Amino acid sequence: MKIRVRVKPNSKKPYIEKGEDGIWVVAVREPATEGKANNAIIKAVAEELGLAQSKVQLVKGMKSKEKVLEIHE
């Protein structure tokens, strides 16, 4: 399964919002440098789905605010 994610780094309050258009909005506290925000997104999505972090993989958008995550169940 693949999900599209729109990232909001440096957020004061982290959250996950599932939009009606199928795009998840994920806000994380970590900055968008050195992959810190990407790692936080993977962790947040894994927790939301009740999966291990190893089951969530970033497949597109490494340096973009729009990302695609692949979920391995």
PDB file of N, CA and C in Angstrom:
ATOM      1  N   MET A   1       0.849  -1.169   0.000  1.00  0.00           N
ATOM      2  CA  MET A   1       0.000   0.000   0.000  1.00  0.00           C
ATOM      3  C   MET A   1       0.900   1.241   0.000  1.00  0.00           C
ATOM      4  N   LYS A   2       0.515   2.256  -0.759  1.00  0.00           N
ATOM      5  CA  LYS A   2       1.263   3.509  -0.786  1.00  0.00           C
ATOM      6  C   LYS A   2       0.365   4.636  -0.310  1.00  0.00           C
ATOM      7  N   ILE A   3       0.955   5.556   0.447  1.00  0.00           N
ATOM      8  CA  ILE A   3       0.214   6.736   0.880  1.00  0.00           C
ATOM      9  C   ILE A   3       1.015   7.981   0.521  1.00  0.00           C
ATOM     10  N   ARG A   4       0.280   9.017   0.139  1.00  0.00           N
ATOM     11  CA  ARG A   4       0.908  10.308  -0.152  1.00  0.00           C
ATOM     12  C   ARG A   4       0.857  11.150   1.111  1.00  0.00           C
ATOM     13  N   VAL A   5       1.978  11.839   1.373  1.00  0.00           N
ATOM     14  CA  VAL A   5       2.110  12.603   2.605  1.00  0.00           C
ATOM     15  C   VAL A   5       2.566  14.021   2.274  1.00  0.00           C
ATOM     16  N   ARG A   6       1.962  14.997   2.917  1.00  0.00           N
ATOM     17  CA  ARG A   6       2.418  16.384   2.862  1.00  0.00           C
ATOM     18  C   ARG A   6       3.012  16.694   4.236  1.00  0.00           C
ATOM     19  N   VAL A   7       4.254  17.159   4.244  1.00  0.00           N
ATOM     20  CA  VAL A   7       5.006  17.320   5.488  1.00  0.00           C
ATOM     21  C   VAL A   7       5.006  18.768   5.959  1.00  0.00           C
ATOM     22  N   LYS A   8       4.902  18.936   7.269  1.00  0.00           N
ATOM     23  CA  LYS A   8       5.050  20.246   7.900  1.00  0.00           C
ATOM     24  C   LYS A   8       6.128  20.116   8.975  1.00  0.00           C
ATOM     25  N   PRO A   9       7.398  20.378   8.614  1.00  0.00           N
ATOM     26  CA  PRO A   9       8.471  20.293   9.607  1.00  0.00           C
ATOM     27  C   PRO A   9       8.454  21.497  10.544  1.00  0.00           C
ATOM     28  N   ASN A  10       9.206  21.411  11.631  1.00  0.00           N
ATOM     29  CA  ASN A  10       9.329  22.493  12.624  1.00  0.00           C
ATOM     30  C   ASN A  10       7.996  22.899  13.227  1.00  0.00           C
ATOM     31  N   SER A  11       7.090  21.967  13.357  1.00  0.00           N
ATOM     32  CA  SER A  11       5.771  22.253  13.913  1.00  0.00           C
ATOM     33  C   SER A  11       5.844  22.303  15.435  1.00  0.00           C
ATOM     34  N   LYS A  12       5.107  23.221  16.019  1.00  0.00           N
ATOM     35  CA  LYS A  12       5.074  23.299  17.482  1.00  0.00           C
ATOM     36  C   LYS A  12       4.296  22.136  18.074  1.00  0.00           C
ATOM     37  N   LYS A  13       3.265  21.686  17.340  1.00  0.00           N
ATOM     38  CA  LYS A  13       2.442  20.578  17.828  1.00  0.00           C
ATOM     39  C   LYS A  13       2.386  19.501  16.748  1.00  0.00           C
ATOM     40  N   PRO A  14       3.019  18.347  16.979  1.00  0.00           N
ATOM     41  CA  PRO A  14       2.970  17.282  15.971  1.00  0.00           C
ATOM     42  C   PRO A  14       1.568  16.667  15.865  1.00  0.00           C
ATOM     43  N   TYR A  15       1.178  16.340  14.637  1.00  0.00           N
ATOM     44  CA  TYR A  15      -0.123  15.710  14.413  1.00  0.00           C
ATOM     45  C   TYR A  15      -0.126  15.000  13.069  1.00  0.00           C
ATOM     46  N   ILE A  16      -1.130  14.146  12.884  1.00  0.00           N
ATOM     47  CA  ILE A  16      -1.383  13.495  11.604  1.00  0.00           C
ATOM     48  C   ILE A  16      -2.842  13.738  11.271  1.00  0.00           C
ATOM     49  N   GLU A  17      -3.071  14.207  10.054  1.00  0.00           N
ATOM     50  CA  GLU A  17      -4.422  14.505   9.591  1.00  0.00           C
ATOM     51  C   GLU A  17      -4.630  13.795   8.255  1.00  0.00           C
ATOM     52  N   LYS A  18      -5.660  12.995   8.168  1.00  0.00           N
ATOM     53  CA  LYS A  18      -5.952  12.274   6.928  1.00  0.00           C
ATOM     54  C   LYS A  18      -6.949  13.098   6.119  1.00  0.00           C
ATOM     55  N   GLY A  19      -6.471  13.657   5.022  1.00  0.00           N
ATOM     56  CA  GLY A  19      -7.302  14.529   4.204  1.00  0.00           C
ATOM     57  C   GLY A  19      -8.295  13.774   3.348  1.00  0.00           C
ATOM     58  N   GLU A  20      -9.338  14.466   2.935  1.00  0.00           N
ATOM     59  CA  GLU A  20     -10.373  13.866   2.096  1.00  0.00           C
ATOM     60  C   GLU A  20      -9.842  13.532   0.706  1.00  0.00           C
ATOM     61  N   ASP A  21      -8.771  14.234   0.288  1.00  0.00           N
ATOM     62  CA  ASP A  21      -8.187  13.991  -1.028  1.00  0.00           C
ATOM     63  C   ASP A  21      -7.221  12.807  -1.036  1.00  0.00           C
ATOM     64  N   GLY A  22      -7.110  12.120   0.100  1.00  0.00           N
ATOM     65  CA  GLY A  22      -6.241  10.949   0.190  1.00  0.00           C
ATOM     66  C   GLY A  22      -4.818  11.263   0.605  1.00  0.00           C
ATOM     67  N   ILE A  23      -4.508  12.539   0.767  1.00  0.00           N
ATOM     68  CA  ILE A  23      -3.167  12.934   1.187  1.00  0.00           C
ATOM     69  C   ILE A  23      -3.165  13.147   2.693  1.00  0.00           C
ATOM     70  N   TRP A  24      -2.202  12.518   3.364  1.00  0.00           N
ATOM     71  CA  TRP A  24      -2.042  12.695   4.799  1.00  0.00           C
ATOM     72  C   TRP A  24      -1.192  13.922   5.050  1.00  0.00           C
ATOM     73  N   VAL A  25      -1.553  14.730   6.021  1.00  0.00           N
ATOM     74  CA  VAL A  25      -0.726  15.853   6.452  1.00  0.00           C
ATOM     75  C   VAL A  25      -0.071  15.426   7.761  1.00  0.00           C
ATOM     76  N   VAL A  26       1.266  15.424   7.762  1.00  0.00           N
ATOM     77  CA  VAL A  26       2.012  14.999   8.942  1.00  0.00           C
ATOM     78  C   VAL A  26       2.880  16.157   9.400  1.00  0.00           C
ATOM     79  N   ALA A  27       2.624  16.652  10.601  1.00  0.00           N
ATOM     80  CA  ALA A  27       3.427  17.722  11.185  1.00  0.00           C
ATOM     81  C   ALA A  27       4.357  17.105  12.225  1.00  0.00           C
ATOM     82  N   VAL A  28       5.637  17.459  12.132  1.00  0.00           N
ATOM     83  CA  VAL A  28       6.635  16.939  13.073  1.00  0.00           C
ATOM     84  C   VAL A  28       7.456  18.096  13.626  1.00  0.00           C
ATOM     85  N   ARG A  29       8.011  17.900  14.803  1.00  0.00           N
ATOM     86  CA  ARG A  29       8.833  18.934  15.441  1.00  0.00           C
ATOM     87  C   ARG A  29      10.203  19.075  14.796  1.00  0.00           C
ATOM     88  N   GLU A  30      10.714  18.013  14.226  1.00  0.00           N
ATOM     89  CA  GLU A  30      12.068  17.995  13.693  1.00  0.00           C
ATOM     90  C   GLU A  30      12.211  18.895  12.469  1.00  0.00           C
ATOM     91  N   PRO A  31      13.393  19.488  12.298  1.00  0.00           N
ATOM     92  CA  PRO A  31      13.633  20.331  11.109  1.00  0.00           C
ATOM     93  C   PRO A  31      13.877  19.478   9.875  1.00  0.00           C
ATOM     94  N   ALA A  32      13.730  20.106   8.723  1.00  0.00           N
ATOM     95  CA  ALA A  32      13.921  19.399   7.453  1.00  0.00           C
ATOM     96  C   ALA A  32      15.391  19.434   7.036  1.00  0.00           C
ATOM     97  N   THR A  33      16.267  19.012   7.927  1.00  0.00           N
ATOM     98  CA  THR A  33      17.697  18.948   7.627  1.00  0.00           C
ATOM     99  C   THR A  33      18.238  17.586   8.024  1.00  0.00           C
ATOM    100  N   GLU A  34      19.176  17.108   7.251  1.00  0.00           N
ATOM    101  CA  GLU A  34      19.876  15.849   7.527  1.00  0.00           C
ATOM    102  C   GLU A  34      18.931  14.668   7.703  1.00  0.00           C
ATOM    103  N   GLY A  35      17.763  14.707   7.072  1.00  0.00           N
ATOM    104  CA  GLY A  35      16.827  13.591   7.136  1.00  0.00           C
ATOM    105  C   GLY A  35      16.077  13.448   8.445  1.00  0.00           C
ATOM    106  N   LYS A  36      16.193  14.435   9.329  1.00  0.00           N
ATOM    107  CA  LYS A  36      15.533  14.338  10.636  1.00  0.00           C
ATOM    108  C   LYS A  36      14.011  14.313  10.500  1.00  0.00           C
ATOM    109  N   ALA A  37      13.470  15.172   9.652  1.00  0.00           N
ATOM    110  CA  ALA A  37      12.014  15.204   9.461  1.00  0.00           C
ATOM    111  C   ALA A  37      11.537  13.918   8.791  1.00  0.00           C
ATOM    112  N   ASN A  38      12.295  13.403   7.819  1.00  0.00           N
ATOM    113  CA  ASN A  38      11.909  12.152   7.152  1.00  0.00           C
ATOM    114  C   ASN A  38      11.819  11.007   8.154  1.00  0.00           C
ATOM    115  N   ASN A  39      12.802  10.908   9.034  1.00  0.00           N
ATOM    116  CA  ASN A  39      12.777   9.846  10.048  1.00  0.00           C
ATOM    117  C   ASN A  39      11.595  10.017  10.993  1.00  0.00           C
ATOM    118  N   ALA A  40      11.287  11.254  11.360  1.00  0.00           N
ATOM    119  CA  ALA A  40      10.160  11.516  12.254  1.00  0.00           C
ATOM    120  C   ALA A  40       8.832  11.167  11.587  1.00  0.00           C
ATOM    121  N   ILE A  41       8.739  11.413  10.286  1.00  0.00           N
ATOM    122  CA  ILE A  41       7.513  11.083   9.546  1.00  0.00           C
ATOM    123  C   ILE A  41       7.304   9.582   9.518  1.00  0.00           C
ATOM    124  N   ILE A  42       8.365   8.843   9.229  1.00  0.00           N
ATOM    125  CA  ILE A  42       8.271   7.385   9.203  1.00  0.00           C
ATOM    126  C   ILE A  42       7.836   6.865  10.565  1.00  0.00           C
ATOM    127  N   LYS A  43       8.422   7.401  11.619  1.00  0.00           N
ATOM    128  CA  LYS A  43       8.073   6.968  12.974  1.00  0.00           C
ATOM    129  C   LYS A  43       6.611   7.287  13.289  1.00  0.00           C
ATOM    130  N   ALA A  44       6.163   8.495  12.941  1.00  0.00           N
ATOM    131  CA  ALA A  44       4.790   8.907  13.241  1.00  0.00           C
ATOM    132  C   ALA A  44       3.763   8.067  12.483  1.00  0.00           C
ATOM    133  N   VAL A  45       4.022   7.819  11.208  1.00  0.00           N
ATOM    134  CA  VAL A  45       3.089   7.026  10.402  1.00  0.00           C
ATOM    135  C   VAL A  45       3.051   5.579  10.894  1.00  0.00           C
ATOM    136  N   ALA A  46       4.208   5.035  11.245  1.00  0.00           N
ATOM    137  CA  ALA A  46       4.259   3.667  11.772  1.00  0.00           C
ATOM    138  C   ALA A  46       3.447   3.554  13.060  1.00  0.00           C
ATOM    139  N   GLU A  47       3.592   4.541  13.947  1.00  0.00           N
ATOM    140  CA  GLU A  47       2.826   4.527  15.194  1.00  0.00           C
ATOM    141  C   GLU A  47       1.329   4.653  14.916  1.00  0.00           C
ATOM    142  N   GLU A  48       0.958   5.514  13.982  1.00  0.00           N
ATOM    143  CA  GLU A  48      -0.456   5.707  13.634  1.00  0.00           C
ATOM    144  C   GLU A  48      -1.085   4.412  13.119  1.00  0.00           C
ATOM    145  N   LEU A  49      -0.314   3.644  12.347  1.00  0.00           N
ATOM    146  CA  LEU A  49      -0.825   2.406  11.770  1.00  0.00           C
ATOM    147  C   LEU A  49      -0.579   1.185  12.652  1.00  0.00           C
ATOM    148  N   GLY A  50       0.137   1.370  13.749  1.00  0.00           N
ATOM    149  CA  GLY A  50       0.415   0.257  14.651  1.00  0.00           C
ATOM    150  C   GLY A  50       1.413  -0.730  14.076  1.00  0.00           C
ATOM    151  N   LEU A  51       2.376  -0.226  13.314  1.00  0.00           N
ATOM    152  CA  LEU A  51       3.390  -1.071  12.674  1.00  0.00           C
ATOM    153  C   LEU A  51       4.781  -0.718  13.181  1.00  0.00           C
ATOM    154  N   ALA A  52       5.724  -1.612  12.903  1.00  0.00           N
ATOM    155  CA  ALA A  52       7.126  -1.317  13.182  1.00  0.00           C
ATOM    156  C   ALA A  52       7.629  -0.319  12.143  1.00  0.00           C
ATOM    157  N   GLN A  53       8.610   0.491  12.519  1.00  0.00           N
ATOM    158  CA  GLN A  53       9.154   1.482  11.598  1.00  0.00           C
ATOM    159  C   GLN A  53       9.748   0.837  10.357  1.00  0.00           C
ATOM    160  N   SER A  54      10.239  -0.382  10.482  1.00  0.00           N
ATOM    161  CA  SER A  54      10.837  -1.078   9.340  1.00  0.00           C
ATOM    162  C   SER A  54       9.809  -1.418   8.266  1.00  0.00           C
ATOM    163  N   LYS A  55       8.518  -1.349   8.596  1.00  0.00           N
ATOM    164  CA  LYS A  55       7.450  -1.645   7.640  1.00  0.00           C
ATOM    165  C   LYS A  55       7.048  -0.423   6.812  1.00  0.00           C
ATOM    166  N   VAL A  56       7.591   0.745   7.154  1.00  0.00           N
ATOM    167  CA  VAL A  56       7.266   1.986   6.451  1.00  0.00           C
ATOM    168  C   VAL A  56       8.528   2.474   5.747  1.00  0.00           C
ATOM    169  N   GLN A  57       8.420   2.715   4.444  1.00  0.00           N
ATOM    170  CA  GLN A  57       9.584   3.096   3.650  1.00  0.00           C
ATOM    171  C   GLN A  57       9.268   4.321   2.799  1.00  0.00           C
ATOM    172  N   LEU A  58      10.179   5.283   2.799  1.00  0.00           N
ATOM    173  CA  LEU A  58      10.051   6.469   1.958  1.00  0.00           C
ATOM    174  C   LEU A  58      10.522   6.110   0.560  1.00  0.00           C
ATOM    175  N   VAL A  59       9.634   6.198  -0.432  1.00  0.00           N
ATOM    176  CA  VAL A  59       9.994   5.791  -1.788  1.00  0.00           C
ATOM    177  C   VAL A  59      10.104   6.959  -2.763  1.00  0.00           C
ATOM    178  N   LYS A  60       9.541   8.116  -2.397  1.00  0.00           N
ATOM    179  CA  LYS A  60       9.606   9.258  -3.305  1.00  0.00           C
ATOM    180  C   LYS A  60       9.497  10.552  -2.503  1.00  0.00           C
ATOM    181  N   GLY A  61      10.284  11.570  -2.907  1.00  0.00           N
ATOM    182  CA  GLY A  61      10.171  12.877  -2.279  1.00  0.00           C
ATOM    183  C   GLY A  61      11.124  13.104  -1.138  1.00  0.00           C
ATOM    184  N   MET A  62      12.318  12.540  -1.212  1.00  0.00           N
ATOM    185  CA  MET A  62      13.283  12.653  -0.129  1.00  0.00           C
ATOM    186  C   MET A  62      13.530  14.111   0.292  1.00  0.00           C
ATOM    187  N   LYS A  63      13.559  15.030  -0.668  1.00  0.00           N
ATOM    188  CA  LYS A  63      13.834  16.439  -0.361  1.00  0.00           C
ATOM    189  C   LYS A  63      12.650  17.345  -0.667  1.00  0.00           C
ATOM    190  N   SER A  64      11.473  16.763  -0.715  1.00  0.00           N
ATOM    191  CA  SER A  64      10.271  17.508  -1.062  1.00  0.00           C
ATOM    192  C   SER A  64       9.295  17.494   0.110  1.00  0.00           C
ATOM    193  N   LYS A  65       8.363  18.440   0.115  1.00  0.00           N
ATOM    194  CA  LYS A  65       7.323  18.432   1.147  1.00  0.00           C
ATOM    195  C   LYS A  65       6.234  17.418   0.826  1.00  0.00           C
ATOM    196  N   GLU A  66       6.151  17.009  -0.424  1.00  0.00           N
ATOM    197  CA  GLU A  66       5.210  15.969  -0.844  1.00  0.00           C
ATOM    198  C   GLU A  66       5.982  14.664  -0.967  1.00  0.00           C
ATOM    199  N   LYS A  67       5.590  13.648  -0.241  1.00  0.00           N
ATOM    200  CA  LYS A  67       6.306  12.382  -0.209  1.00  0.00           C
ATOM    201  C   LYS A  67       5.355  11.222  -0.479  1.00  0.00           C
ATOM    202  N   VAL A  68       5.936  10.104  -0.857  1.00  0.00           N
ATOM    203  CA  VAL A  68       5.180   8.863  -1.012  1.00  0.00           C
ATOM    204  C   VAL A  68       5.830   7.831  -0.101  1.00  0.00           C
ATOM    205  N   LEU A  69       5.016   7.235   0.770  1.00  0.00           N
ATOM    206  CA  LEU A  69       5.489   6.185   1.670  1.00  0.00           C
ATOM    207  C   LEU A  69       4.866   4.866   1.241  1.00  0.00           C
ATOM    208  N   GLU A  70       5.667   3.827   1.294  1.00  0.00           N
ATOM    209  CA  GLU A  70       5.154   2.490   1.015  1.00  0.00           C
ATOM    210  C   GLU A  70       5.044   1.740   2.334  1.00  0.00           C
ATOM    211  N   ILE A  71       3.893   1.131   2.527  1.00  0.00           N
ATOM    212  CA  ILE A  71       3.608   0.398   3.762  1.00  0.00           C
ATOM    213  C   ILE A  71       3.657  -1.088   3.459  1.00  0.00           C
ATOM    214  N   HIS A  72       4.525  -1.819   4.171  1.00  0.00           N
ATOM    215  CA  HIS A  72       4.630  -3.280   4.036  1.00  0.00           C
ATOM    216  C   HIS A  72       3.976  -3.898   5.266  1.00  0.00           C
ATOM    217  N   GLU A  73       2.910  -4.626   5.041  1.00  0.00           N
ATOM    218  CA  GLU A  73       2.212  -5.233   6.188  1.00  0.00           C
ATOM    219  C   GLU A  73       2.576  -6.670   6.392  1.00  0.00           C
TER     220      GLU A  73
END
